[in-house]
Amino acid sequence: MTAAVLKLRGETAPEDRARALSAEYADADAQAILERAIREEFAGEIALVSSFGAESAVLLHLVASVAPETPVIFLDTQKHFAQTLSYRRKLAARLGLTDVRDILPDTEEAAAQDPNGDLWRRDTDACCDLRKVRPLKTALDGFGSWITGRKAFHGGERMHLPAFEWNGRHFKVNPLVRWTPEDVAEYRARHDLPAHPLVEQGYPSIGCWPCTRAVEDGEGVRAGRWSNSDKAECGIHVR
């Protein structure tokens, strides 16, 4: 954690501070959580990490309405759908986001560990670590906190997320944790936000193309991610 955040927290343990903030904002709306996080609690020390995926427009719009200069970290895994890369460019311009950072895997590490670009076939965890986890760790150097778009309705470990948490290295802010699919759809319609092009093709959750498929009727939102395996997260949200 940076010196600025330590000074901001005083002697309060980060876990305790996160719990106190979550209790204080238990009934707050997403904009109020973001205002507190960006403008006050972590001012100058916070970034938004966005996949520019199926639901991303809502959180990006909310952050842009609070502070469009907020750094936005996009992990360009070099395995994204072409539609995601196009959507990332168009949406960032539409919302007036002024500091979107495209973070790529380390060139030398990729050449050594995945020379043929097919690591995902053999070891999805290693591929995610190379293309997401380690690049994000570097990209977050200098930040004391980051904003995520996780929601309880995604299921799994996300069902009991607090609005603020401490992951051992950074504070994480989850302003949409209590939103429902209907909340997301209503907000997007009210603000006329463009949908990711793959949503209409049955992709409610969108990651890299080798590990993402369309979902069938009755399946969960994230059923198309790493299907036919017990993998549920890429690793960036593991403590």
Protein backbone atom coordinates (compact mmCIF):
# COMPACT_ATOMS: atom_id res chain seq x y z
CA MET A 1 0.00 0.00 0.00
CA THR A 2 1.30 3.46 -0.85
CA ALA A 3 2.41 6.07 1.70
CA ALA A 4 -0.53 8.31 0.76
CA VAL A 5 -3.05 5.62 1.59
CA LEU A 6 -1.25 4.74 4.82
CA LYS A 7 -1.39 8.38 5.84
CA LEU A 8 -5.07 8.49 4.91
CA ARG A 9 -5.82 5.43 7.05
CA GLY A 10 -3.77 6.50 10.06
CA GLU A 11 -3.43 3.61 12.52
CA THR A 12 -6.59 1.78 11.42
CA ALA A 13 -5.94 -1.73 10.14
CA PRO A 14 -6.99 -1.99 6.48
CA GLU A 15 -9.32 -4.92 7.16
CA ASP A 16 -11.09 -2.90 9.84
CA ARG A 17 -11.32 0.14 7.61
CA ALA A 18 -12.88 -1.91 4.82
CA ARG A 19 -15.43 -3.41 7.22
CA ALA A 20 -16.30 0.03 8.61
CA LEU A 21 -16.82 1.47 5.14
CA SER A 22 -18.97 -1.49 4.09
CA ALA A 23 -21.14 -1.07 7.18
CA GLU A 24 -21.45 2.68 6.61
CA TYR A 25 -22.46 2.16 2.97
CA ALA A 26 -24.59 -0.95 3.45
CA ASP A 27 -27.67 0.79 2.06
CA ALA A 28 -25.96 3.32 -0.22
CA ASP A 29 -26.39 3.41 -3.98
CA ALA A 30 -23.54 2.82 -6.40
CA GLN A 31 -22.95 6.49 -7.14
CA ALA A 32 -22.60 7.34 -3.46
CA ILE A 33 -20.08 4.52 -3.01
CA LEU A 34 -18.07 5.74 -5.99
CA GLU A 35 -18.20 9.37 -4.86
CA ARG A 36 -16.79 8.38 -1.48
CA ALA A 37 -14.13 6.11 -2.96
CA ILE A 38 -12.94 8.33 -5.82
CA ARG A 39 -13.41 11.80 -4.41
CA GLU A 40 -12.60 11.24 -0.76
CA GLU A 41 -11.40 7.92 0.59
CA PHE A 42 -8.89 6.97 -2.11
CA ALA A 43 -8.54 10.23 -4.05
CA GLY A 44 -5.61 9.99 -6.46
CA GLU A 45 -5.01 6.37 -5.44
CA ILE A 46 -7.75 4.50 -7.28
CA ALA A 47 -8.27 2.87 -10.68
CA LEU A 48 -11.15 1.03 -12.35
CA VAL A 49 -10.33 -2.39 -13.79
CA SER A 50 -12.71 -3.14 -16.66
CA SER A 51 -13.03 -6.00 -19.13
CA PHE A 52 -15.26 -3.90 -21.41
CA GLY A 53 -17.51 -6.94 -21.37
CA ALA A 54 -21.23 -7.61 -21.34
CA GLU A 55 -22.11 -5.47 -18.30
CA SER A 56 -19.17 -3.07 -18.28
CA ALA A 57 -20.89 -0.03 -19.78
CA VAL A 58 -22.91 0.60 -16.62
CA LEU A 59 -19.94 0.89 -14.25
CA LEU A 60 -17.87 2.79 -16.80
CA HIS A 61 -20.72 5.29 -17.19
CA LEU A 62 -21.07 5.68 -13.43
CA VAL A 63 -17.34 6.29 -12.99
CA ALA A 64 -17.29 8.74 -15.91
CA SER A 65 -20.13 10.68 -14.26
CA VAL A 66 -18.10 10.99 -11.05
CA ALA A 67 -14.60 11.53 -12.48
CA PRO A 68 -13.91 10.78 -16.17
CA GLU A 69 -10.18 11.17 -15.54
CA THR A 70 -10.16 8.07 -13.33
CA PRO A 71 -7.57 5.61 -14.70
CA VAL A 72 -9.25 2.63 -16.39
CA ILE A 73 -7.17 -0.53 -16.70
CA PHE A 74 -8.04 -2.86 -19.58
CA LEU A 75 -6.15 -6.15 -19.62
CA ASP A 76 -5.51 -6.75 -23.30
CA THR A 77 -4.80 -10.47 -23.10
CA GLN A 78 -4.27 -10.69 -26.87
CA LYS A 79 -7.00 -13.34 -26.79
CA HIS A 80 -10.04 -11.07 -26.75
CA PHE A 81 -12.85 -11.28 -29.27
CA ALA A 82 -12.44 -8.67 -32.02
CA GLN A 83 -15.83 -7.32 -30.94
CA THR A 84 -14.47 -6.59 -27.45
CA LEU A 85 -11.56 -4.55 -28.79
CA SER A 86 -13.87 -2.52 -31.02
CA TYR A 87 -16.32 -2.01 -28.15
CA ARG A 88 -13.51 -0.86 -25.86
CA ARG A 89 -12.52 1.90 -28.29
CA LYS A 90 -16.05 3.08 -29.05
CA LEU A 91 -17.31 3.00 -25.47
CA ALA A 92 -14.31 4.84 -24.03
CA ALA A 93 -14.78 7.60 -26.61
CA ARG A 94 -18.54 7.74 -26.06
CA LEU A 95 -18.18 8.14 -22.29
CA GLY A 96 -15.32 10.63 -22.43
CA LEU A 97 -12.93 8.50 -20.40
CA THR A 98 -9.56 10.20 -20.65
CA ASP A 99 -7.14 7.66 -19.15
CA VAL A 100 -7.82 4.15 -20.46
CA ARG A 101 -4.70 2.02 -20.20
CA ASP A 102 -4.29 -1.09 -22.38
CA ILE A 103 -2.15 -3.53 -20.39
CA LEU A 104 -0.51 -6.37 -22.33
CA PRO A 105 1.32 -9.48 -21.10
CA ASP A 106 5.07 -9.15 -20.70
CA THR A 107 6.60 -9.87 -24.12
CA GLU A 108 9.50 -11.97 -22.84
CA GLU A 109 7.32 -13.97 -20.46
CA ALA A 110 4.78 -14.66 -23.21
CA ALA A 111 7.51 -15.79 -25.60
CA ALA A 112 8.98 -18.14 -23.00
CA GLN A 113 5.76 -19.56 -21.55
CA ASP A 114 3.38 -19.47 -24.50
CA PRO A 115 5.45 -19.34 -27.71
CA ASN A 116 2.67 -20.83 -29.84
CA GLY A 117 -0.19 -18.91 -28.20
CA ASP A 118 -1.97 -22.09 -27.15
CA LEU A 119 -1.21 -22.27 -23.44
CA TRP A 120 -4.96 -22.06 -22.80
CA ARG A 121 -5.33 -25.56 -24.29
CA ARG A 122 -2.97 -27.08 -21.72
CA ASP A 123 -3.33 -24.96 -18.57
CA THR A 124 -5.99 -22.27 -18.29
CA ASP A 125 -4.76 -21.16 -14.88
CA ALA A 126 -1.25 -20.58 -16.22
CA CYS A 127 -2.67 -18.71 -19.22
CA CYS A 128 -4.75 -16.43 -16.99
CA ASP A 129 -1.76 -15.85 -14.73
CA LEU A 130 0.41 -14.86 -17.69
CA ARG A 131 -2.17 -12.70 -19.45
CA LYS A 132 -4.20 -11.24 -16.57
CA VAL A 133 -2.93 -11.77 -13.04
CA ARG A 134 0.69 -10.70 -13.40
CA PRO A 135 0.00 -7.80 -15.81
CA LEU A 136 -2.66 -6.44 -13.44
CA LYS A 137 -0.32 -6.66 -10.47
CA THR A 138 2.18 -4.48 -12.34
CA ALA A 139 -0.50 -2.10 -13.62
CA LEU A 140 -1.78 -1.51 -10.08
CA ASP A 141 1.60 -0.46 -8.73
CA GLY A 142 1.11 3.06 -7.37
CA PHE A 143 -2.59 2.54 -6.66
CA GLY A 144 -3.91 1.80 -3.19
CA SER A 145 -7.32 0.67 -4.39
CA TRP A 146 -9.31 -0.44 -7.40
CA ILE A 147 -12.93 -0.65 -8.51
CA THR A 148 -14.53 -3.87 -9.73
CA GLY A 149 -17.82 -4.65 -11.46
CA ARG A 150 -18.55 -7.86 -9.54
CA LYS A 151 -22.14 -8.57 -8.54
CA ALA A 152 -23.72 -11.05 -6.17
CA PHE A 153 -25.98 -12.51 -8.87
CA HIS A 154 -22.90 -13.82 -10.68
CA GLY A 155 -22.90 -16.54 -8.04
CA GLY A 156 -20.04 -18.44 -6.46
CA GLU A 157 -17.77 -16.46 -4.18
CA ARG A 158 -19.34 -13.24 -5.43
CA MET A 159 -22.62 -13.87 -3.61
CA HIS A 160 -21.39 -12.43 -0.32
CA LEU A 161 -19.10 -9.61 -1.40
CA PRO A 162 -19.01 -6.41 0.67
CA ALA A 163 -18.98 -2.96 -0.92
CA PHE A 164 -15.41 -2.43 0.33
CA GLU A 165 -12.80 -5.10 0.97
CA TRP A 166 -9.09 -5.50 1.61
CA ASN A 167 -7.30 -8.19 -0.40
CA GLY A 168 -3.99 -8.06 1.42
CA ARG A 169 -2.46 -5.54 -0.97
CA HIS A 170 -5.22 -3.17 -2.13
CA PHE A 171 -8.63 -1.94 -1.12
CA LYS A 172 -11.28 -3.13 -3.57
CA VAL A 173 -14.52 -1.28 -4.18
CA ASN A 174 -17.57 -3.21 -5.40
CA PRO A 175 -20.27 -0.58 -6.01
CA LEU A 176 -22.62 -2.85 -8.00
CA VAL A 177 -22.52 -5.84 -5.67
CA ARG A 178 -26.24 -5.66 -4.82
CA TRP A 179 -27.46 -4.90 -8.34
CA THR A 180 -29.73 -7.38 -10.10
CA PRO A 181 -29.76 -8.18 -13.83
CA GLU A 182 -32.86 -6.00 -14.05
CA ASP A 183 -31.01 -3.09 -12.44
CA VAL A 184 -28.22 -3.40 -14.99
CA ALA A 185 -30.64 -3.55 -17.93
CA GLU A 186 -32.72 -0.62 -16.64
CA TYR A 187 -29.68 1.60 -16.10
CA ARG A 188 -28.25 0.78 -19.53
CA ALA A 189 -31.59 1.54 -21.21
CA ARG A 190 -32.13 4.76 -19.25
CA HIS A 191 -28.76 6.11 -20.32
CA ASP A 192 -28.91 4.64 -23.83
CA LEU A 193 -25.63 2.79 -23.35
CA PRO A 194 -24.52 0.57 -26.23
CA ALA A 195 -24.46 -3.16 -25.59
CA HIS A 196 -21.47 -5.36 -26.25
CA PRO A 197 -22.05 -6.83 -29.74
CA LEU A 198 -21.87 -10.42 -28.44
CA VAL A 199 -24.67 -10.04 -25.89
CA GLU A 200 -27.36 -10.58 -28.51
CA GLN A 201 -25.55 -13.74 -29.58
CA GLY A 202 -26.01 -15.32 -26.15
CA TYR A 203 -22.92 -14.17 -24.29
CA PRO A 204 -23.97 -12.65 -20.92
CA SER A 205 -20.37 -12.84 -19.64
CA ILE A 206 -17.46 -12.28 -21.99
CA GLY A 207 -13.80 -13.10 -21.52
CA CYS A 208 -11.16 -14.39 -23.91
CA TRP A 209 -12.46 -16.20 -26.98
CA PRO A 210 -10.83 -19.60 -26.30
CA CYS A 211 -12.49 -19.90 -22.89
CA THR A 212 -15.89 -18.27 -23.47
CA ARG A 213 -18.98 -19.71 -25.11
CA ALA A 214 -22.60 -18.67 -25.47
CA VAL A 215 -24.92 -19.94 -22.71
CA GLU A 216 -27.99 -22.11 -23.07
CA ASP A 217 -31.44 -21.26 -21.75
CA GLY A 218 -31.57 -21.76 -18.01
CA GLU A 219 -27.81 -21.60 -17.49
CA GLY A 220 -26.17 -19.11 -15.12
CA VAL A 221 -24.67 -15.82 -16.24
CA ARG A 222 -21.11 -17.15 -16.07
CA ALA A 223 -21.82 -20.69 -17.27
CA GLY A 224 -20.05 -19.93 -20.54
CA ARG A 225 -16.75 -19.12 -18.85
CA TRP A 226 -14.29 -22.05 -18.70
CA SER A 227 -17.19 -24.45 -19.21
CA ASN A 228 -16.58 -28.17 -18.69
CA SER A 229 -14.11 -27.34 -15.93
CA ASP A 230 -14.27 -26.38 -12.26
CA LYS A 231 -12.59 -23.04 -12.95
CA ALA A 232 -14.81 -20.06 -12.05
CA GLU A 233 -12.43 -17.10 -11.80
CA CYS A 234 -9.41 -15.97 -13.79
CA GLY A 235 -7.41 -15.30 -10.64
CA ILE A 236 -7.34 -11.52 -10.38
CA HIS A 237 -9.92 -11.63 -7.59
CA VAL A 238 -8.17 -14.32 -5.55
CA ARG A 239 -6.78 -12.94 -2.29
